[in-house]
Amino acid sequence: MSRIPVRHWLTVVRLLGAAALAGTAASCSEAPPPVATAPRQVDVALATATTTTNIARLTGEVQAANEAELGFRIGGQVVERKVDVGDKVVAGQVLARLDPVNEENALKAAKAVRLAALGEVEQTRSTFERQDRLMSQGFTTRRQFDQALTAKEVAEARLSEAEAQVALAQDRLGFTELRTDADGVVTTRRLEAGEVVQPGQVVFRLARDDGRDAVFDVSPRFLDQQPTGGVFKVALASDPNVSVTGRVREIAPQADAATGTFRIRVGLDKKLPAMALGSTVVGVLEKSSALVVAVPASALTIVGTDPAVWVVDQATSKVTLRRIAVMRFEYATVMVAHGLEAGEMVVSGGIQALHPGQIVKAAPSAARRAALSSSQRAVLVCHDVGCG
């Protein structure tokens, strides 16, 4: 067997190496064909404009709109008490009596003085009339005439004073009876028969029948956040079917020293027999906000420490991550304060693997929901998940 010269082997190796280098260069100069990326299928939803309702619930009690503290206008000893706590009274009814002996004696004395003054007036008038006739005939002096006139005027003044004393004594005798000036219910009693009371001392408290209030103790934050001019719906705690509306008519100017709360009085539009004084009631105040933007809670993500959503450009189907300010969270819904406009489309499902500029495609069910009205979407959701 003949041997191949070494120079021939070197030539072959050189040729093979050149061919390999040429093939490598050719393969490096050719770019790989582009790989088409299919749009990512996601759930989408439209940001909708809506109103929110804040509901505040308070617990309080029914009180009279107007209460009166009653007491005797004169002092004396109580001889009779005719009513007790809880009794209903009418205007002019006697509640209690004082011993009237002193006032009766004072009235008798005043009448006696008036009678004496009346006799003196009659006498001085008769004297004056006689002096007047004599003066016209020239049979008396000016001095006697003037004395008769002065005596008559003094007597008439004393009679006026005596009549005033009689009226005063009659009033004081009437003051021995404590009467109410309005219909109502006795809520407090502070006297018993035999006690001695002072003028103006409060012995009864009367809840008048001219109106009813629902009284609540609220925090300062409630007064800051809720409209005091709103309409309350007040219902019995024991029977919510018994309800009435009312408006705030009074707010305490100062907080309670012990609890730090403010007392508000809600004037009830009607006085219901079932809402007796002292009944526990629940007041509900509803406040509707201005239009806000709502999106599904599943659309919410986060950028750093800020909440955000993926917004879909409806012309190009590309997504953009946008920061938003959240007003509040509700069940399955996020209320957006700003950062998003009503009608914009957001990704509500499949947000975990998105990146800015990525093209997305709405899932069939999501596309149908985004194209429907709010009422139609509610029907569709019920069809998909079942509303019972």
Protein backbone atom coordinates (compact mmCIF):
# COMPACT_ATOMS: atom_id res chain seq x y z
CA MET A 1 0.00 0.00 0.00
CA SER A 2 1.39 3.32 -1.07
CA ARG A 3 1.62 6.09 1.41
CA ILE A 4 0.04 9.55 0.80
CA PRO A 5 2.59 12.27 1.03
CA VAL A 6 2.32 14.53 3.99
CA ARG A 7 1.99 17.57 1.83
CA HIS A 8 -1.20 16.15 0.34
CA TRP A 9 -2.72 15.70 3.85
CA LEU A 10 -1.92 19.30 4.72
CA THR A 11 -3.61 20.45 1.53
CA VAL A 12 -6.76 18.49 2.35
CA VAL A 13 -6.85 19.87 5.90
CA ARG A 14 -6.46 23.40 4.58
CA LEU A 15 -9.31 22.90 2.11
CA LEU A 16 -11.64 21.41 4.75
CA GLY A 17 -10.87 24.24 7.19
CA ALA A 18 -11.56 26.85 4.57
CA ALA A 19 -14.86 25.21 3.71
CA ALA A 20 -15.85 25.10 7.39
CA LEU A 21 -14.98 28.75 7.90
CA ALA A 22 -16.93 29.69 4.80
CA GLY A 23 -19.96 27.77 6.08
CA THR A 24 -19.70 29.41 9.50
CA ALA A 25 -19.47 32.87 8.02
CA ALA A 26 -22.43 32.19 5.79
CA SER A 27 -24.51 30.94 8.72
CA CYS A 28 -23.61 34.00 10.88
CA SER A 29 -24.47 36.47 8.13
CA GLU A 30 -28.04 35.12 7.77
CA ALA A 31 -30.52 36.57 10.50
CA PRO A 32 -33.05 34.13 12.02
CA PRO A 33 -36.63 34.55 10.85
CA PRO A 34 -38.82 36.61 13.28
CA VAL A 35 -41.07 34.70 15.66
CA ALA A 36 -44.66 36.02 15.67
CA THR A 37 -46.06 36.64 19.23
CA ALA A 38 -49.78 36.05 19.63
CA PRO A 39 -51.77 38.70 21.60
CA ARG A 40 -52.24 37.73 25.24
CA GLN A 41 -55.84 36.90 26.09
CA VAL A 42 -57.08 38.78 29.16
CA ASP A 43 -60.31 39.82 30.85
CA VAL A 44 -61.22 43.46 30.37
CA ALA A 45 -63.76 45.83 31.87
CA LEU A 46 -64.88 49.39 31.23
CA ALA A 47 -64.34 52.02 33.92
CA THR A 48 -67.82 53.27 34.74
CA ALA A 49 -69.07 56.50 36.30
CA THR A 50 -71.22 55.89 39.36
CA THR A 51 -72.28 57.41 42.67
CA THR A 52 -71.47 56.06 46.09
CA THR A 53 -73.72 56.11 49.12
CA ASN A 54 -72.34 56.55 52.62
CA ILE A 55 -74.68 55.14 55.26
CA ALA A 56 -74.32 56.28 58.86
CA ARG A 57 -76.22 54.44 61.61
CA LEU A 58 -76.74 55.99 65.04
CA THR A 59 -78.48 54.73 68.16
CA GLY A 60 -80.34 57.13 70.41
CA GLU A 61 -83.63 57.71 72.16
CA VAL A 62 -86.85 59.64 71.75
CA GLN A 63 -87.21 62.83 73.76
CA ALA A 64 -89.64 65.71 73.79
CA ALA A 65 -88.80 68.55 71.42
CA ASN A 66 -89.72 71.02 74.18
CA GLU A 67 -89.50 70.44 77.92
CA ALA A 68 -90.62 72.79 80.66
CA GLU A 69 -89.46 72.97 84.27
CA LEU A 70 -92.36 73.95 86.51
CA GLY A 71 -92.32 75.46 89.96
CA PHE A 72 -94.44 77.58 92.31
CA ARG A 73 -94.14 81.34 91.96
CA ILE A 74 -94.42 81.76 95.74
CA GLY A 75 -93.08 79.78 98.65
CA GLY A 76 -95.12 77.68 101.04
CA GLN A 77 -95.96 74.23 102.30
CA VAL A 78 -97.22 71.62 99.87
CA VAL A 79 -100.60 70.25 100.95
CA GLU A 80 -101.48 68.18 97.86
CA ARG A 81 -99.70 66.52 94.93
CA LYS A 82 -102.09 65.43 92.20
CA VAL A 83 -99.81 63.88 89.51
CA ASP A 84 -96.83 61.56 89.31
CA VAL A 85 -94.12 60.69 86.79
CA GLY A 86 -95.58 59.34 83.56
CA ASP A 87 -98.99 60.95 83.99
CA LYS A 88 -100.46 62.72 80.97
CA VAL A 89 -101.75 66.19 81.70
CA VAL A 90 -103.68 68.84 79.78
CA ALA A 91 -103.29 72.59 79.70
CA GLY A 92 -104.68 74.21 82.87
CA GLN A 93 -104.63 71.04 84.96
CA VAL A 94 -103.62 71.42 88.63
CA LEU A 95 -100.43 69.53 89.47
CA ALA A 96 -100.00 70.45 93.14
CA ARG A 97 -101.26 72.88 95.79
CA LEU A 98 -99.72 74.94 98.58
CA ASP A 99 -101.36 75.80 101.88
CA PRO A 100 -103.52 78.84 100.92
CA VAL A 101 -104.31 80.17 104.44
CA ASN A 102 -101.82 83.05 104.41
CA GLU A 103 -102.83 84.14 100.91
CA GLU A 104 -106.54 83.93 101.77
CA ASN A 105 -106.00 86.13 104.83
CA ALA A 106 -103.96 88.58 102.74
CA LEU A 107 -106.81 88.76 100.23
CA LYS A 108 -109.36 89.43 102.95
CA ALA A 109 -107.20 92.23 104.35
CA ALA A 110 -106.75 93.76 100.91
CA LYS A 111 -110.47 93.67 100.29
CA ALA A 112 -111.11 95.37 103.65
CA VAL A 113 -108.67 98.14 102.79
CA ARG A 114 -110.35 98.58 99.42
CA LEU A 115 -113.75 98.82 101.06
CA ALA A 116 -112.51 101.53 103.43
CA ALA A 117 -110.92 103.40 100.56
CA LEU A 118 -114.15 103.19 98.60
CA GLY A 119 -116.08 104.74 101.51
CA GLU A 120 -113.55 107.53 101.78
CA VAL A 121 -113.84 108.24 98.07
CA GLU A 122 -117.61 108.52 98.28
CA GLN A 123 -117.36 110.93 101.20
CA THR A 124 -114.72 113.17 99.60
CA ARG A 125 -116.59 113.25 96.31
CA SER A 126 -119.76 114.36 98.08
CA THR A 127 -117.84 117.11 99.90
CA PHE A 128 -116.21 118.28 96.70
CA GLU A 129 -119.52 118.40 94.83
CA ARG A 130 -121.00 120.58 97.61
CA GLN A 131 -117.99 122.89 97.59
CA ASP A 132 -118.22 123.12 93.83
CA ARG A 133 -121.85 124.29 93.97
CA LEU A 134 -121.08 126.80 96.72
CA MET A 135 -118.09 128.07 94.77
CA SER A 136 -120.24 128.71 91.73
CA GLN A 137 -122.70 130.70 93.91
CA GLY A 138 -119.95 132.58 95.74
CA PHE A 139 -120.78 131.17 99.19
CA THR A 140 -117.37 129.50 99.87
CA THR A 141 -113.73 130.38 99.71
CA ARG A 142 -111.15 129.17 97.21
CA ARG A 143 -109.18 127.60 100.03
CA GLN A 144 -112.07 125.35 101.12
CA PHE A 145 -112.74 124.43 97.53
CA ASP A 146 -109.11 123.44 96.96
CA GLN A 147 -109.01 121.36 100.16
CA ALA A 148 -112.12 119.44 99.07
CA LEU A 149 -110.58 118.78 95.65
CA THR A 150 -107.30 117.56 97.13
CA ALA A 151 -109.09 115.25 99.59
CA LYS A 152 -111.09 113.72 96.76
CA GLU A 153 -107.99 113.05 94.64
CA VAL A 154 -106.10 111.52 97.58
CA ALA A 155 -109.04 109.24 98.35
CA GLU A 156 -109.27 108.10 94.72
CA ALA A 157 -105.54 107.33 94.70
CA ARG A 158 -105.88 105.26 97.84
CA LEU A 159 -108.77 103.38 96.26
CA SER A 160 -106.61 102.58 93.18
CA GLU A 161 -103.84 101.32 95.46
CA ALA A 162 -106.30 99.20 97.42
CA GLU A 163 -107.69 97.67 94.23
CA ALA A 164 -104.15 96.83 93.09
CA GLN A 165 -103.46 95.15 96.43
CA VAL A 166 -106.62 93.09 96.03
CA ALA A 167 -105.55 92.01 92.54
CA LEU A 168 -102.09 91.12 93.86
CA ALA A 169 -103.58 89.12 96.72
CA GLN A 170 -105.85 87.27 94.29
CA ASP A 171 -102.87 86.44 92.08
CA ARG A 172 -100.91 85.13 95.07
CA LEU A 173 -103.86 83.00 96.06
CA GLY A 174 -103.95 81.61 92.53
CA PHE A 175 -100.22 80.91 92.74
CA THR A 176 -100.87 78.36 95.50
CA GLU A 177 -102.05 76.06 92.67
CA LEU A 178 -99.41 74.89 90.21
CA ARG A 179 -101.00 74.47 86.77
CA THR A 180 -99.52 73.37 83.45
CA ASP A 181 -99.76 75.66 80.46
CA ALA A 182 -99.62 72.91 77.80
CA ASP A 183 -100.51 69.28 77.18
CA GLY A 184 -97.75 66.83 77.93
CA VAL A 185 -96.30 64.09 80.11
CA VAL A 186 -94.72 64.48 83.53
CA THR A 187 -91.14 63.23 83.33
CA THR A 188 -89.74 64.40 86.70
CA ARG A 189 -91.26 64.98 90.16
CA ARG A 190 -89.36 66.60 93.01
CA LEU A 191 -91.86 67.25 95.78
CA GLU A 192 -94.10 65.46 98.25
CA ALA A 193 -97.00 66.65 100.38
CA GLY A 194 -95.76 68.39 103.52
CA GLU A 195 -92.57 69.78 102.00
CA VAL A 196 -91.83 73.49 102.07
CA VAL A 197 -90.77 74.86 98.70
CA GLN A 198 -89.16 78.14 97.71
CA PRO A 199 -90.31 80.50 94.94
CA GLY A 200 -89.07 79.26 91.56
CA GLN A 201 -87.89 75.89 92.88
CA VAL A 202 -88.30 73.26 90.12
CA VAL A 203 -90.74 70.58 91.28
CA PHE A 204 -91.93 69.08 87.97
CA ARG A 205 -90.50 68.58 84.49
CA LEU A 206 -93.02 68.38 81.69
CA ALA A 207 -92.43 66.94 78.20
CA ARG A 208 -94.76 68.88 75.98
CA ASP A 209 -96.79 67.22 73.26
CA ASP A 210 -95.92 69.73 70.54
CA GLY A 211 -93.14 67.60 69.00
CA ARG A 212 -90.66 64.75 69.39
CA ASP A 213 -86.90 64.56 68.85
CA ALA A 214 -84.55 61.66 68.25
CA VAL A 215 -81.44 62.43 70.31
CA PHE A 216 -78.03 61.00 69.33
CA ASP A 217 -74.50 61.41 70.70
CA VAL A 218 -71.99 61.58 67.82
CA SER A 219 -68.26 61.96 67.44
CA PRO A 220 -66.61 65.10 66.05
CA ARG A 221 -65.60 63.10 62.98
CA PHE A 222 -69.26 62.42 62.19
CA LEU A 223 -70.01 66.13 62.20
CA ASP A 224 -67.07 66.74 59.84
CA GLN A 225 -67.98 64.02 57.34
CA GLN A 226 -71.77 64.01 57.30
CA PRO A 227 -74.14 66.74 56.11
CA THR A 228 -76.13 68.03 59.06
CA GLY A 229 -78.87 69.10 56.65
CA GLY A 230 -79.52 65.55 55.46
CA VAL A 231 -82.69 63.59 56.05
CA PHE A 232 -82.59 60.93 58.76
CA LYS A 233 -84.74 57.83 58.70
CA VAL A 234 -85.52 57.04 62.33
CA ALA A 235 -86.94 53.63 63.28
CA LEU A 236 -87.68 51.82 66.51
CA ALA A 237 -84.88 49.47 67.49
CA SER A 238 -87.45 46.89 68.54
CA ASP A 239 -89.61 47.26 65.41
CA PRO A 240 -87.88 48.66 62.30
CA ASN A 241 -91.24 48.81 60.52
CA VAL A 242 -92.18 51.77 62.74
CA SER A 243 -90.19 54.60 61.17
CA VAL A 244 -90.37 58.30 60.43
CA THR A 245 -88.13 60.88 58.78
CA GLY A 246 -86.53 63.88 60.43
CA ARG A 247 -83.93 66.60 60.11
CA VAL A 248 -81.23 67.89 62.45
CA ARG A 249 -82.58 70.94 64.28
CA GLU A 250 -80.00 71.38 67.02
CA ILE A 251 -76.30 70.57 67.54
CA ALA A 252 -74.69 70.97 70.93
CA PRO A 253 -72.07 73.73 70.75
CA GLN A 254 -69.78 71.94 73.20
CA ALA A 255 -68.68 68.32 73.57
CA ASP A 256 -69.65 66.32 76.61
CA ALA A 257 -66.85 66.51 79.15
CA ALA A 258 -67.02 62.80 80.00
CA THR A 259 -67.53 61.19 76.56
CA GLY A 260 -66.19 63.81 74.16
CA THR A 261 -69.28 63.44 71.97
CA PHE A 262 -71.68 66.05 70.64
CA ARG A 263 -75.42 65.74 71.13
CA ILE A 264 -77.61 66.31 68.11
CA ARG A 265 -81.39 66.55 68.11
CA VAL A 266 -83.28 65.33 65.04
CA GLY A 267 -86.77 66.79 64.83
CA LEU A 268 -89.22 64.07 63.76
CA ASP A 269 -91.71 64.99 61.04
CA LYS A 270 -94.53 63.09 62.76
CA LYS A 271 -95.30 62.04 66.30
CA LEU A 272 -96.01 58.30 66.24
CA PRO A 273 -97.81 56.76 69.24
CA ALA A 274 -95.48 53.75 69.10
CA MET A 275 -92.43 56.01 69.61
CA ALA A 276 -93.00 56.77 73.26
CA LEU A 277 -90.66 58.96 75.25
CA GLY A 278 -87.46 57.11 76.08
CA SER A 279 -87.83 54.55 73.26
CA THR A 280 -84.56 53.36 71.71
CA VAL A 281 -84.34 54.28 68.04
CA VAL A 282 -81.88 53.80 65.19
CA GLY A 283 -81.20 56.74 62.89
CA VAL A 284 -79.93 56.13 59.36
CA LEU A 285 -78.43 58.94 57.29
CA GLU A 286 -77.66 58.30 53.63
CA LYS A 287 -75.33 60.56 51.66
CA SER A 288 -74.77 60.20 47.91
CA SER A 289 -71.44 61.38 46.56
CA ALA A 290 -70.67 63.06 43.26
CA LEU A 291 -69.87 60.89 40.22
CA VAL A 292 -66.78 58.73 40.67
CA VAL A 293 -65.09 56.11 38.50
CA ALA A 294 -65.45 52.45 39.47
CA VAL A 295 -63.39 49.46 38.31
CA PRO A 296 -63.36 45.81 39.38
CA ALA A 297 -61.15 45.07 42.34
CA SER A 298 -59.37 42.39 40.29
CA ALA A 299 -57.98 45.13 38.01
CA LEU A 300 -55.94 46.68 40.83
CA THR A 301 -52.18 46.16 40.93
CA ILE A 302 -49.33 48.13 42.48
CA VAL A 303 -46.33 50.12 41.28
CA GLY A 304 -43.88 50.62 44.10
CA THR A 305 -46.26 51.72 46.82
CA ASP A 306 -48.90 53.27 44.55
CA PRO A 307 -52.04 51.53 43.30
CA ALA A 308 -52.28 51.17 39.52
CA VAL A 309 -54.26 49.52 36.71
CA TRP A 310 -53.41 48.24 33.24
CA VAL A 311 -55.20 50.49 30.72
CA VAL A 312 -55.93 49.09 27.26
CA ASP A 313 -55.61 51.42 24.27
CA GLN A 314 -58.76 50.51 22.40
CA ALA A 315 -57.21 51.58 19.09
CA THR A 316 -53.98 49.56 19.28
CA SER A 317 -54.88 46.97 21.97
CA LYS A 318 -51.62 47.82 23.77
CA VAL A 319 -51.55 48.06 27.56
CA THR A 320 -50.12 50.83 29.70
CA LEU A 321 -49.55 50.72 33.47
CA ARG A 322 -51.12 53.80 35.04
CA ARG A 323 -51.06 55.00 38.65
CA ILE A 324 -54.41 55.90 40.22
CA ALA A 325 -55.67 57.35 43.50
CA VAL A 326 -58.17 55.14 45.29
CA MET A 327 -61.09 56.82 47.05
CA ARG A 328 -62.27 53.70 48.84
CA PHE A 329 -62.74 49.98 48.51
CA GLU A 330 -66.12 48.30 48.24
CA TYR A 331 -67.14 44.70 47.76
CA ALA A 332 -65.52 43.58 44.46
CA THR A 333 -65.19 47.23 43.35
CA VAL A 334 -62.62 50.01 43.68
CA MET A 335 -63.72 53.64 43.66
CA VAL A 336 -61.10 55.78 41.86
CA ALA A 337 -60.64 59.39 42.95
CA HIS A 338 -58.51 60.40 39.95
CA GLY A 339 -56.15 58.93 37.38
CA LEU A 340 -58.80 57.17 35.30
CA GLU A 341 -61.69 58.37 33.16
CA ALA A 342 -65.07 56.77 32.69
CA GLY A 343 -65.19 54.72 29.48
CA GLU A 344 -61.54 53.68 29.53
CA MET A 345 -60.87 49.94 29.30
CA VAL A 346 -58.79 48.21 31.97
CA VAL A 347 -57.50 44.68 32.34
CA SER A 348 -59.50 42.90 35.02
CA GLY A 349 -58.05 39.40 34.71
CA GLY A 350 -54.63 38.09 33.74
CA ILE A 351 -52.63 41.10 34.92
CA GLN A 352 -49.79 39.07 36.43
CA ALA A 353 -47.62 38.62 33.32
CA LEU A 354 -48.24 41.85 31.42
CA HIS A 355 -45.59 44.36 30.43
CA PRO A 356 -45.98 47.90 29.04
CA GLY A 357 -46.76 48.00 25.31
CA GLN A 358 -47.88 44.38 25.19
CA ILE A 359 -50.77 43.65 22.82
CA VAL A 360 -53.71 41.96 24.47
CA LYS A 361 -56.93 40.40 23.30
CA ALA A 362 -60.11 40.45 25.30
CA ALA A 363 -61.51 37.07 26.25
CA PRO A 364 -64.86 36.46 24.52
CA SER A 365 -66.94 36.76 27.69
CA ALA A 366 -65.00 39.86 28.79
CA ALA A 367 -65.42 41.49 25.38
CA ARG A 368 -69.14 40.90 25.52
CA ARG A 369 -69.36 42.43 29.02
CA ALA A 370 -67.32 45.49 27.99
CA ALA A 371 -69.70 46.15 25.08
CA LEU A 372 -72.88 45.92 27.16
CA SER A 373 -74.59 48.50 29.32
CA SER A 374 -74.40 48.24 33.10
CA SER A 375 -77.87 46.70 33.38
CA GLN A 376 -77.10 44.21 30.61
CA ARG A 377 -73.81 43.31 32.28
CA ALA A 378 -75.66 42.51 35.51
CA VAL A 379 -77.92 40.09 33.56
CA LEU A 380 -74.89 38.51 31.90
CA VAL A 381 -73.09 38.02 35.22
CA CYS A 382 -76.17 36.34 36.63
CA HIS A 383 -76.26 34.07 33.56
CA ASP A 384 -72.57 33.16 33.90
CA VAL A 385 -72.29 32.60 37.65
CA GLY A 386 -75.91 32.21 38.73
CA CYS A 387 -77.83 34.71 40.85
CA GLY A 388 -80.13 32.30 42.58
